[in-house]
């Protein structure tokens, strides 16, 4: 099957990693796969897998919905790429890119599978885009969600049979020869990973850590990632008196090389789609504490097994759960033994099998 995978860019992010795993995996199974990006290769953070082609039509940069000329130019460039490629099916990732792809492929040739990568009940994309999504998603060949609890939303837009849930894959971690990070200055390390935005709740994590840091002088907090709130979060850490107890080393190419030297992972998000950072930490054998936010953590974490779940947004509960594991080496060790089981439940083979089954059912 000839498949086009459409995404805005290959900048650092969970969706970008997943589309490359999907495209590389399908190519490895004999499919003819091309990744189409609306942003030029100069923006790439990740490499295209071997055996996967790349198309980057000449599109104007991201623009507001009301820049109709810019949006039409993006749609026209994408339509040209699709016409030239002549795929049997398109797989599009992320809400606004999904909308542009459905318009570019209208009237349904080739069929388009749209993939939502976060929780649409909480992630706001603006009223005009929401209206277009409601109008266009019923025409998609399939609407793919990440978790079972978001299927109801998809089925509210299109027929129930037209929605499916395929969680992200969790392959075994690949470690390089890199040693312990130099910014790990203290013996014990809590790690959080994500873009520095409000959604990730790092402000709540900082306040929770500040409440217990004095009782655990051998522990530091490291937040991997970058984003628009970096300066604000650094200022908050300083105002909480955390000083050198918190590090912001930026985005890392291979977070597994950092996680392998960590003792505890914390997910403090206000909401998620399917938290890749959480599953990747577990795959590295790191026990986790997470808010039970929508959606994903409750499906991934076994409370008391491979980590602890606490009520969403409850900073005191988050601090207490962190302190519980920070104080108990044996409990962390027990959870660490169970954590890598996640790679069996969400293995790459199961993921690709699910996608091939879905693709086989698409009418072309």
Foldseek 3Di string as FASTA:
>chain_A
DEEEEEDAAQADDDVNVQSQLQQQVVQVVPYAYEYEHQDDPVRHPDDRDPRYHYHHFDADDDDDPVPVVRLVRSLVRLLVVCVVSQGQEYEYEAQVRQLSNLVSCPPPVPAYEYEHFWQVVPDDDDDVSVVSCLVRLQNHLAYEAADPVRLVVSCVRHPSVRYYHFHGAAAQADEDPDDADPLLPAQAEEEEEDEPDVQQPVLLVLVLCLVCCVVPVRYAYEYEAYYDCPVVSVVSNVVSVCPSRYYYPHHDSGCLNHLLSHAEYEGQGQETRADPVQLNSLSSLHAYEYECHYDHPVVQDDDLALYHYDHHPDSNRSSVRVVVRSVDVVSRNRNSVVSSCSNVVRPSVVSNVVVVVSVVPRDD
